[in-house]
């Protein structure tokens, strides 16, 4: 008994130990570079999962389970080709994006619902599809000049458009780097050459201005130098004795030299002004040419856009007319066809019903006629059997049965003849027969004899109905 108690206590301790160990194993800590997603029965209405970043939680057995979402940034190379800008010019925008799972609570919930269980490559492909679409949308709303020159605005629009869509699946945009922008038509290269040409022209103008200022200063310095040298030489040669005369001479010489120096300076200034105006004219000509070129390109793009708009409007008008005219006509045509088919089907069914009725009627009449003929044949068979299987005797029986009716028919032939008055012109007859008697005999002779009726029917009247017998035949033969 004591050993049993010890075993029970040991089992209880082992059970408690296993239970405590299991509970500790169900307590999960979340690393800083991961998100702990608890799913199952997490409490709260409408919550499909609970996301924890930088903490720990106890995972209830049976009713809950967990997985981790990796926060490691995901680089995505986007080699966008032939994207259509607002000016209908196709550009190539190779770029590199860096995305990752967001740690904002609402966005983490989106990531738990849409990215849980996906590998990094699957998330990369999903994000790349979204980025491709939004990048095309952003380029379609901007001009080539803005895309090429205002990179800050371009990147801002990309960031706003892409990040708004990535949030829906639980991602955030970390970085965007557009490496280079090119186009198939060479428009961007032309803009670069135009800018370079403008910078070169400005530099040339600045150099010309500096050279002009240097030439003017050098001319003034030379003039002062010549004046001073001339004055010094004149003073040295003339001497002090001829101070007054020399002074006047020096003054005249100085004035002459000053005038000459001023003239030389004016010539230099005029030459410099001419060069400056020439360079300014060339620069203005180049700028005007570039401006006209830009205006021509803008007008060409506007005309192309208007042409596309007119084509779109024409397609819309065509579709509207098709919907207003062709579609109702097609519907009316189908309605008429369906109505005609329904009428034809109705006529076919009525005709089939009439045909079935006629067939059934004729079949019934044929069956009735067949029954009549069958009964008649059975009756004839019985008549023949009654006559001892002698057909002539059988015919005699049938004629004897119909004789009253035949006589009645002969009588009916003259029954309804109405004779109001008979006038006979009797001229006498050597045979002693009066004309009246002959008239009555002729009328009686007009009744068809029974023998003739039977012959017309293909039958032979028996001799006893002809009024003949064997004795009369013998007498006729003897007389003959």
Protein backbone atom coordinates (compact mmCIF):
# COMPACT_ATOMS: atom_id res chain seq x y z
CA UNK A 1 0.00 0.00 0.00
CA UNK A 2 2.84 2.36 0.82
CA UNK A 3 4.54 1.69 -2.49
CA UNK A 4 1.31 2.50 -4.35
CA UNK A 5 1.07 5.83 -2.55
CA UNK A 6 4.67 6.62 -3.45
CA UNK A 7 4.01 5.79 -7.12
CA UNK A 8 0.89 7.98 -7.17
CA UNK A 9 2.78 10.87 -5.58
CA UNK A 10 5.61 10.47 -8.11
CA UNK A 11 3.17 10.44 -11.00
CA UNK A 12 1.45 13.55 -9.63
CA UNK A 13 4.77 15.35 -9.32
CA UNK A 14 5.74 14.29 -12.84
CA UNK A 15 2.39 15.50 -14.18
CA UNK A 16 2.76 18.86 -12.44
CA UNK A 17 6.31 19.20 -13.79
CA UNK A 18 5.20 18.37 -17.32
CA UNK A 19 2.31 20.81 -17.00
CA UNK A 20 4.56 23.62 -15.78
CA UNK A 21 7.09 22.87 -18.53
CA UNK A 22 4.34 22.94 -21.16
CA UNK A 23 3.05 26.24 -19.85
CA UNK A 24 6.54 27.73 -19.99
CA UNK A 25 6.93 26.42 -23.53
CA UNK A 26 3.69 28.19 -24.52
CA UNK A 27 5.03 31.56 -23.28
CA UNK A 28 6.56 33.17 -26.37
CA UNK A 29 8.82 36.21 -26.59
CA UNK A 30 8.95 38.34 -29.73
CA UNK A 31 12.41 39.37 -31.10
CA UNK A 32 12.98 42.97 -32.17
CA UNK A 33 13.21 42.06 -35.87
CA UNK A 34 9.99 40.00 -35.90
CA UNK A 35 6.28 40.39 -35.27
CA UNK A 36 4.55 37.72 -33.20
CA UNK A 37 1.15 36.89 -34.74
CA UNK A 38 -1.27 35.00 -32.49
CA UNK A 39 -4.29 33.58 -34.28
CA UNK A 40 -7.23 31.48 -33.32
CA UNK A 41 -9.49 32.66 -30.51
CA UNK A 42 -7.85 35.99 -29.71
CA UNK A 43 -10.86 37.81 -28.25
CA UNK A 44 -12.57 40.92 -29.46
CA UNK A 45 -15.20 41.18 -32.17
CA UNK A 46 -13.89 41.05 -35.72
CA UNK A 47 -10.25 40.38 -34.77
CA UNK A 48 -8.72 37.56 -36.79
CA UNK A 49 -5.26 37.82 -35.20
CA UNK A 50 -3.29 39.58 -32.48
CA UNK A 51 0.08 41.18 -33.41
CA UNK A 52 2.85 41.86 -30.88
CA UNK A 53 6.14 43.64 -31.61
CA UNK A 54 8.83 43.76 -28.98
CA UNK A 55 6.99 41.93 -26.19
CA UNK A 56 5.80 38.50 -25.09
CA UNK A 57 2.53 36.63 -24.77
CA UNK A 58 1.13 33.35 -23.53
CA UNK A 59 -0.23 31.09 -26.26
CA UNK A 60 -3.20 29.11 -25.01
CA UNK A 61 -3.05 25.53 -26.16
CA UNK A 62 -5.71 24.07 -28.47
CA UNK A 63 -7.55 27.39 -29.04
CA UNK A 64 -4.53 29.46 -30.15
CA UNK A 65 -1.41 29.16 -32.30
CA UNK A 66 1.31 31.55 -33.45
CA UNK A 67 3.72 32.49 -36.28
CA UNK A 68 6.35 35.16 -36.86
CA UNK A 69 6.53 37.89 -39.53
CA UNK A 70 10.06 38.90 -40.53
CA UNK A 71 10.77 42.66 -40.44
CA UNK A 72 13.91 42.39 -42.58
CA UNK A 73 13.82 45.03 -45.39
CA UNK A 74 13.10 43.62 -48.84
CA UNK A 75 14.95 45.18 -51.82
CA UNK A 76 12.99 45.29 -55.08
CA UNK A 77 14.51 46.10 -58.46
CA UNK A 78 11.92 47.77 -60.72
CA UNK A 79 13.02 48.07 -64.35
CA UNK A 80 10.03 50.02 -65.68
CA UNK A 81 9.99 50.31 -69.49
CA UNK A 82 7.82 52.30 -71.90
CA UNK A 83 5.77 54.07 -69.22
CA UNK A 84 3.47 56.69 -70.79
CA UNK A 85 3.85 60.26 -69.45
CA UNK A 86 1.21 62.98 -69.55
CA UNK A 87 2.70 64.21 -72.87
CA UNK A 88 2.23 60.72 -74.40
CA UNK A 89 6.00 60.18 -74.42
CA UNK A 90 7.19 56.75 -73.28
CA UNK A 91 10.01 56.80 -70.72
CA UNK A 92 12.19 54.20 -69.03
CA UNK A 93 12.50 54.58 -65.25
CA UNK A 94 14.81 51.97 -63.69
CA UNK A 95 14.59 52.27 -59.91
CA UNK A 96 15.22 50.43 -56.66
CA UNK A 97 12.71 50.23 -53.81
CA UNK A 98 13.21 49.12 -50.24
CA UNK A 99 10.07 47.89 -48.45
CA UNK A 100 9.33 46.11 -45.19
CA UNK A 101 6.49 45.03 -42.94
CA UNK A 102 5.14 47.98 -40.96
CA UNK A 103 4.99 48.00 -37.15
CA UNK A 104 1.96 50.31 -36.98
CA UNK A 105 -0.83 48.31 -35.23
CA UNK A 106 -3.43 48.74 -37.97
CA UNK A 107 -0.92 47.96 -40.74
CA UNK A 108 0.44 44.96 -38.77
CA UNK A 109 -3.10 43.57 -38.75
CA UNK A 110 -3.20 43.89 -42.56
CA UNK A 111 0.15 42.09 -42.81
CA UNK A 112 -1.12 39.30 -40.53
CA UNK A 113 -4.19 38.85 -42.73
CA UNK A 114 -2.44 38.97 -46.13
CA UNK A 115 1.25 38.05 -45.69
CA UNK A 116 1.29 35.43 -42.92
CA UNK A 117 2.87 32.24 -44.19
CA UNK A 118 4.39 33.84 -47.34
CA UNK A 119 8.10 33.63 -48.08
CA UNK A 120 10.27 36.69 -48.75
CA UNK A 121 10.27 36.06 -52.53
CA UNK A 122 6.47 35.81 -52.60
CA UNK A 123 6.16 39.10 -50.67
CA UNK A 124 8.71 40.68 -53.06
CA UNK A 125 6.72 39.65 -56.13
CA UNK A 126 3.47 40.90 -54.58
CA UNK A 127 4.99 44.29 -53.69
CA UNK A 128 6.67 44.56 -57.13
CA UNK A 129 3.29 44.19 -58.87
CA UNK A 130 1.84 47.02 -56.76
CA UNK A 131 4.90 49.25 -57.33
CA UNK A 132 4.83 48.72 -61.09
CA UNK A 133 1.19 49.80 -61.28
CA UNK A 134 1.53 52.87 -59.06
CA UNK A 135 4.76 53.97 -60.75
CA UNK A 136 2.97 53.99 -64.11
CA UNK A 137 0.10 56.00 -62.58
CA UNK A 138 2.50 58.62 -61.16
CA UNK A 139 4.39 58.98 -64.47
CA UNK A 140 1.10 59.37 -66.36
CA UNK A 141 0.27 62.47 -64.24
CA UNK A 142 3.59 64.30 -64.77
CA UNK A 143 5.38 66.04 -67.65
CA UNK A 144 8.82 64.97 -68.85
CA UNK A 145 10.31 68.26 -67.66
CA UNK A 146 9.01 67.72 -64.10
CA UNK A 147 10.19 64.10 -64.04
CA UNK A 148 13.65 65.04 -65.31
CA UNK A 149 14.28 68.28 -63.43
CA UNK A 150 12.16 68.18 -60.27
CA UNK A 151 13.30 64.84 -58.81
CA UNK A 152 12.09 65.77 -55.34
CA UNK A 153 8.50 66.21 -56.55
CA UNK A 154 8.77 63.02 -58.60
CA UNK A 155 9.99 60.96 -55.63
CA UNK A 156 7.36 62.53 -53.37
CA UNK A 157 4.56 61.52 -55.75
CA UNK A 158 5.98 57.99 -56.03
CA UNK A 159 6.25 57.67 -52.26
CA UNK A 160 2.68 58.87 -51.66
CA UNK A 161 1.16 56.65 -54.36
CA UNK A 162 3.13 53.49 -53.63
CA UNK A 163 2.99 53.68 -49.84
CA UNK A 164 -0.79 54.21 -49.87
CA UNK A 165 -1.21 50.90 -51.75
CA UNK A 166 1.45 48.98 -49.78
CA UNK A 167 -0.30 49.79 -46.50
CA UNK A 168 -3.28 47.75 -47.69
CA UNK A 169 -1.21 44.55 -47.52
CA UNK A 170 0.77 45.52 -44.40
CA UNK A 171 3.97 46.92 -45.97
CA UNK A 172 5.67 50.29 -45.74
CA UNK A 173 8.03 52.04 -48.16
CA UNK A 174 11.50 52.55 -46.63
CA UNK A 175 13.46 54.05 -49.52
CA UNK A 176 13.18 54.94 -53.23
CA UNK A 177 16.14 55.41 -55.54
CA UNK A 178 15.62 56.30 -59.20
CA UNK A 179 18.89 55.56 -61.03
CA UNK A 180 18.31 57.09 -64.45
CA UNK A 181 15.48 58.27 -66.70
CA UNK A 182 15.56 57.82 -70.47
CA UNK A 183 13.06 57.91 -73.32
CA UNK A 184 12.90 56.35 -76.75
CA UNK A 185 12.31 59.62 -78.62
CA UNK A 186 15.43 61.38 -77.22
CA UNK A 187 13.39 64.18 -75.66
CA UNK A 188 15.26 64.07 -72.34
CA UNK A 189 18.64 64.12 -74.15
CA UNK A 190 17.48 67.16 -76.11
CA UNK A 191 16.54 68.89 -72.84
CA UNK A 192 20.02 68.10 -71.47
CA UNK A 193 21.73 69.42 -74.56
CA UNK A 194 19.59 72.57 -74.39
CA UNK A 195 20.52 73.16 -70.73
CA UNK A 196 24.20 72.50 -71.45
CA UNK A 197 24.11 74.88 -74.40
CA UNK A 198 22.50 77.57 -72.23
CA UNK A 199 25.15 77.13 -69.50
CA UNK A 200 27.95 77.30 -72.08
CA UNK A 201 26.51 80.47 -73.58
CA UNK A 202 26.19 82.09 -70.15
CA UNK A 203 29.79 81.17 -69.37
CA UNK A 204 30.96 82.61 -72.68
CA UNK A 205 29.10 85.85 -72.00
CA UNK A 206 30.64 86.08 -68.51
CA UNK A 207 34.13 85.50 -69.94
CA UNK A 208 33.55 88.17 -72.60
CA UNK A 209 32.45 90.63 -69.93
CA UNK A 210 35.54 89.90 -67.83
CA UNK A 211 37.80 90.24 -70.86
CA UNK A 212 36.13 93.55 -71.77
CA UNK A 213 36.63 94.93 -68.26
CA UNK A 214 40.24 93.76 -68.30
CA UNK A 215 40.88 95.41 -71.66
CA UNK A 216 39.39 98.67 -70.47
CA UNK A 217 41.50 98.68 -67.28
CA UNK A 218 44.63 97.80 -69.19
CA UNK A 219 43.99 100.67 -71.66
CA UNK A 220 43.52 103.14 -68.82
CA UNK A 221 46.70 101.95 -67.10
CA UNK A 222 48.74 102.24 -70.33
CA UNK A 223 47.37 105.70 -70.93
CA UNK A 224 48.36 106.86 -67.44
CA UNK A 225 51.73 105.27 -67.88
CA UNK A 226 52.33 106.96 -71.22
CA UNK A 227 51.23 110.30 -69.86
CA UNK A 228 53.52 110.01 -66.88
CA UNK A 229 56.49 108.85 -68.95
CA UNK A 230 55.95 111.66 -71.47
CA UNK A 231 55.75 114.23 -68.75
CA UNK A 232 58.85 112.91 -67.01
CA UNK A 233 60.86 112.83 -70.25
CA UNK A 234 59.76 116.37 -71.18
CA UNK A 235 60.67 117.69 -67.77
CA UNK A 236 64.08 116.00 -67.89
CA UNK A 237 64.97 117.36 -71.36
CA UNK A 238 63.71 120.94 -71.03
CA UNK A 239 65.10 121.55 -67.59
CA UNK A 240 64.29 123.96 -65.01
CA UNK A 241 65.42 126.98 -67.10
CA UNK A 242 62.66 126.64 -69.47
CA UNK A 243 60.20 125.83 -66.74
CA UNK A 244 57.45 128.12 -67.88
CA UNK A 245 57.89 127.39 -71.56
CA UNK A 246 58.37 123.77 -70.84
CA UNK A 247 55.37 123.90 -68.58
CA UNK A 248 53.24 125.27 -71.38
CA UNK A 249 54.76 122.75 -73.76
CA UNK A 250 54.27 120.03 -71.21
CA UNK A 251 50.72 121.13 -70.63
CA UNK A 252 50.06 121.12 -74.39
CA UNK A 253 51.85 117.80 -74.72
CA UNK A 254 49.98 116.44 -71.74
CA UNK A 255 46.70 117.68 -73.17
CA UNK A 256 47.56 116.16 -76.53
CA UNK A 257 48.60 112.94 -74.89
CA UNK A 258 45.45 112.98 -72.78
CA UNK A 259 43.30 113.55 -75.84
CA UNK A 260 45.15 110.81 -77.66
CA UNK A 261 44.80 108.50 -74.68
CA UNK A 262 41.13 109.32 -74.38
CA UNK A 263 40.63 108.63 -78.07
CA UNK A 264 42.46 105.33 -77.78
CA UNK A 265 40.39 104.43 -74.75
CA UNK A 266 37.19 105.32 -76.57
CA UNK A 267 38.24 103.20 -79.53
CA UNK A 268 38.96 100.28 -77.19
CA UNK A 269 35.66 100.79 -75.40
CA UNK A 270 33.79 100.96 -78.73
CA UNK A 271 35.47 97.78 -79.91
CA UNK A 272 34.63 96.06 -76.63
CA UNK A 273 31.01 97.27 -76.85
CA UNK A 274 30.78 95.99 -80.42
CA UNK A 275 32.10 92.59 -79.37
CA UNK A 276 29.76 92.53 -76.41
CA UNK A 277 26.73 93.43 -78.54
CA UNK A 278 27.77 90.79 -81.09
CA UNK A 279 28.04 88.10 -78.40
CA UNK A 280 24.77 89.23 -76.82
CA UNK A 281 23.09 89.04 -80.24
CA UNK A 282 24.48 85.54 -80.79
CA UNK A 283 23.36 84.46 -77.33
CA UNK A 284 19.91 85.99 -77.86
CA UNK A 285 19.70 84.26 -81.24
CA UNK A 286 20.57 80.90 -79.66
CA UNK A 287 18.09 81.47 -76.81
CA UNK A 288 15.36 82.55 -79.27
CA UNK A 289 16.05 79.45 -81.39
CA UNK A 290 15.80 77.21 -78.33
CA UNK A 291 12.62 78.97 -77.23
CA UNK A 292 11.05 78.59 -80.69
CA UNK A 293 12.08 74.94 -80.72
CA UNK A 294 10.48 74.38 -77.32
CA UNK A 295 7.31 76.18 -78.44
CA UNK A 296 7.20 74.09 -81.62
CA UNK A 297 7.66 70.88 -79.62
CA UNK A 298 4.98 71.97 -77.16
CA UNK A 299 2.58 72.81 -80.01
CA UNK A 300 3.32 69.47 -81.65
CA UNK A 301 2.63 67.63 -78.39
CA UNK A 302 -0.56 69.68 -77.89
CA UNK A 303 -1.71 68.90 -81.43
CA UNK A 304 -1.02 65.22 -80.85
CA UNK A 305 -2.95 65.32 -77.57
CA UNK A 306 -5.86 67.11 -79.27
CA UNK A 307 -5.77 64.55 -82.07
CA UNK A 308 -5.91 61.71 -79.54
CA UNK A 309 -8.74 63.49 -77.70
CA UNK A 310 -10.66 63.97 -80.96
CA UNK A 311 -10.14 60.32 -81.83
CA UNK A 312 -11.39 59.36 -78.37
CA UNK A 313 -14.39 61.66 -78.77
CA UNK A 314 -15.09 60.14 -82.20
CA UNK A 315 -14.95 56.66 -80.68
CA UNK A 316 -17.29 57.81 -77.93
CA UNK A 317 -19.74 59.30 -80.46
CA UNK A 318 -19.49 56.13 -82.52
CA UNK A 319 -20.16 54.00 -79.44
CA UNK A 320 -23.09 56.26 -78.47
CA UNK A 321 -24.62 56.04 -81.93
CA UNK A 322 -24.06 52.30 -81.94
CA UNK A 323 -25.77 52.02 -78.56
CA UNK A 324 -28.64 54.34 -79.65
CA UNK A 325 -29.23 52.87 -83.14
CA UNK A 326 -27.62 49.48 -83.71
CA UNK A 327 -28.30 47.96 -80.29
CA UNK A 328 -32.11 48.77 -80.34
CA UNK A 329 -32.25 47.53 -83.93
CA UNK A 330 -30.50 44.32 -82.93
CA UNK A 331 -32.87 43.92 -79.98
CA UNK A 332 -35.90 44.58 -82.26
CA UNK A 333 -34.49 42.11 -84.79
CA UNK A 334 -34.06 39.47 -82.11
CA UNK A 335 -37.56 40.19 -80.78
CA UNK A 336 -39.04 39.80 -84.29
CA UNK A 337 -37.05 36.60 -84.85
CA UNK A 338 -38.17 35.19 -81.51
CA UNK A 339 -41.79 36.22 -82.22
CA UNK A 340 -41.61 34.68 -85.72
CA UNK A 341 -40.11 31.50 -84.31
CA UNK A 342 -42.83 31.40 -81.64
CA UNK A 343 -45.56 31.89 -84.28
CA UNK A 344 -43.96 29.26 -86.52
CA UNK A 345 -43.72 26.88 -83.58
CA UNK A 346 -47.37 27.61 -82.75
CA UNK A 347 -48.40 26.95 -86.35
CA UNK A 348 -46.33 23.76 -86.43
CA UNK A 349 -47.89 22.56 -83.20
CA UNK A 350 -51.42 23.44 -84.40
CA UNK A 351 -50.76 21.70 -87.71
CA UNK A 352 -49.34 18.72 -85.88
CA UNK A 353 -52.40 18.69 -83.64
CA UNK A 354 -54.73 18.89 -86.65
CA UNK A 355 -52.73 16.18 -88.42
CA UNK A 356 -52.84 14.02 -85.31
CA UNK A 357 -56.61 14.62 -85.08
CA UNK A 358 -57.14 13.75 -88.75
CA UNK A 359 -54.90 10.72 -88.38
CA UNK A 360 -56.77 9.55 -85.30
CA UNK A 361 -60.12 10.22 -87.04
CA UNK A 362 -59.09 8.34 -90.16
CA UNK A 363 -57.62 5.59 -88.04
CA UNK A 364 -60.91 5.34 -86.14
CA UNK A 365 -62.88 5.35 -89.40
CA UNK A 366 -60.56 2.71 -90.84
CA UNK A 367 -60.98 0.61 -87.72
CA UNK A 368 -64.79 1.03 -87.97
CA UNK A 369 -64.75 0.17 -91.69
CA UNK A 370 -62.50 -2.76 -90.92
CA UNK A 371 -64.93 -3.95 -88.27
CA UNK A 372 -67.88 -3.51 -90.67
CA UNK A 373 -66.12 -5.36 -93.46
CA UNK A 374 -64.99 -8.03 -91.01
CA UNK A 375 -68.56 -8.51 -89.76
CA UNK A 376 -69.85 -8.52 -93.35
CA UNK A 377 -67.25 -11.12 -94.30
CA UNK A 378 -68.26 -13.22 -91.30
CA UNK A 379 -71.92 -12.81 -92.32
CA UNK A 380 -71.17 -13.78 -95.93
CA UNK A 381 -69.19 -16.75 -94.64
CA UNK A 382 -72.16 -17.87 -92.55
CA UNK A 383 -74.56 -17.35 -95.54
CA UNK A 384 -72.30 -19.53 -97.71
CA UNK A 385 -72.14 -22.12 -94.94
CA UNK A 386 -75.96 -21.99 -94.67
CA UNK A 387 -76.21 -22.57 -98.45
CA UNK A 388 -74.15 -25.72 -98.15
CA UNK A 389 -70.93 -24.00 -99.25
CA UNK A 390 -72.54 -23.25 -102.64
CA UNK A 391 -71.81 -19.69 -103.73
CA UNK A 392 -74.72 -19.50 -106.22
CA UNK A 393 -77.20 -20.61 -103.59
CA UNK A 394 -75.69 -18.08 -101.22
CA UNK A 395 -76.19 -15.31 -103.84
CA UNK A 396 -79.78 -16.44 -104.29
CA UNK A 397 -80.33 -16.15 -100.56
CA UNK A 398 -78.87 -12.63 -100.52
CA UNK A 399 -80.96 -11.55 -103.54
CA UNK A 400 -84.07 -13.04 -101.99
CA UNK A 401 -83.29 -10.99 -98.90
CA UNK A 402 -82.82 -7.75 -100.94
CA UNK A 403 -85.58 -8.40 -103.53
CA UNK A 404 -88.27 -6.30 -101.77
CA UNK A 405 -85.88 -3.37 -101.64
CA UNK A 406 -84.97 -3.74 -105.35
CA UNK A 407 -88.63 -3.83 -106.35
CA UNK A 408 -89.29 -0.81 -104.17
CA UNK A 409 -86.50 1.09 -105.89
CA UNK A 410 -87.96 0.31 -109.35
CA UNK A 411 -91.35 1.48 -108.22
CA UNK A 412 -89.87 4.65 -106.71
CA UNK A 413 -88.43 5.49 -110.12
CA UNK A 414 -91.86 6.45 -111.54
CA UNK A 415 -93.72 6.99 -108.31
CA UNK A 416 -93.26 10.73 -108.15
CA UNK A 417 -93.91 11.49 -111.80
CA UNK A 418 -96.85 13.93 -111.92
CA UNK A 419 -98.99 13.79 -115.07
CA UNK A 420 -101.69 16.46 -115.00
CA UNK A 421 -102.92 15.92 -118.53
CA UNK A 422 -102.21 13.47 -121.36
CA UNK A 423 -103.23 14.27 -124.91
CA UNK A 424 -103.07 11.39 -127.35
CA UNK A 425 -103.48 11.85 -131.05
CA UNK A 426 -104.66 8.47 -132.16
CA UNK A 427 -104.35 7.93 -135.89
CA UNK A 428 -105.20 4.29 -135.63
CA UNK A 429 -102.99 1.25 -135.65
CA UNK A 430 -103.31 -1.81 -137.83
CA UNK A 431 -102.27 -4.03 -134.93
CA UNK A 432 -105.39 -3.09 -133.06
CA UNK A 433 -103.42 -1.48 -130.23
CA UNK A 434 -104.33 2.06 -129.25
CA UNK A 435 -101.79 4.82 -128.86
CA UNK A 436 -102.63 5.20 -125.17
CA UNK A 437 -101.76 1.61 -124.55
CA UNK A 438 -98.48 2.06 -126.35
CA UNK A 439 -97.66 5.15 -124.26
CA UNK A 440 -98.21 3.29 -120.98
CA UNK A 441 -96.22 0.35 -122.21
CA UNK A 442 -93.34 2.68 -123.12
CA UNK A 443 -93.37 4.27 -119.65
CA UNK A 444 -93.29 0.87 -118.01
CA UNK A 445 -90.45 -0.11 -120.30
CA UNK A 446 -88.44 2.92 -119.08
CA UNK A 447 -87.99 1.19 -115.73
CA UNK A 448 -84.60 -0.57 -115.77
CA UNK A 449 -85.06 -4.36 -115.77
CA UNK A 450 -83.60 -6.26 -112.87
CA UNK A 451 -81.53 -8.33 -115.24
CA UNK A 452 -79.77 -5.20 -116.57
CA UNK A 453 -79.11 -3.86 -113.08
CA UNK A 454 -77.50 -7.13 -112.08
CA UNK A 455 -75.38 -7.22 -115.20
CA UNK A 456 -74.12 -3.66 -114.55
CA UNK A 457 -73.15 -4.81 -111.07
CA UNK A 458 -71.27 -7.79 -112.54
CA UNK A 459 -73.75 -10.41 -111.30
CA UNK A 460 -76.10 -12.92 -113.03
CA UNK A 461 -79.81 -12.87 -112.14
CA UNK A 462 -81.19 -16.35 -111.54
CA UNK A 463 -83.40 -17.69 -114.30
CA UNK A 464 -86.43 -18.06 -112.08
CA UNK A 465 -86.32 -14.28 -111.46
CA UNK A 466 -86.16 -13.63 -115.19
CA UNK A 467 -89.55 -15.34 -115.67
CA UNK A 468 -87.94 -18.32 -117.39
CA UNK A 469 -88.00 -22.03 -116.60
CA UNK A 470 -86.75 -25.17 -118.19
CA UNK A 471 -90.01 -25.78 -120.14
CA UNK A 472 -89.95 -22.28 -121.65
CA UNK A 473 -86.34 -22.74 -122.70
CA UNK A 474 -87.22 -26.02 -124.36
CA UNK A 475 -90.17 -24.43 -126.17
CA UNK A 476 -87.92 -21.56 -127.40
CA UNK A 477 -85.40 -24.04 -128.63
CA UNK A 478 -88.08 -26.06 -130.44
CA UNK A 479 -89.48 -22.94 -132.03
CA UNK A 480 -86.07 -21.94 -133.06
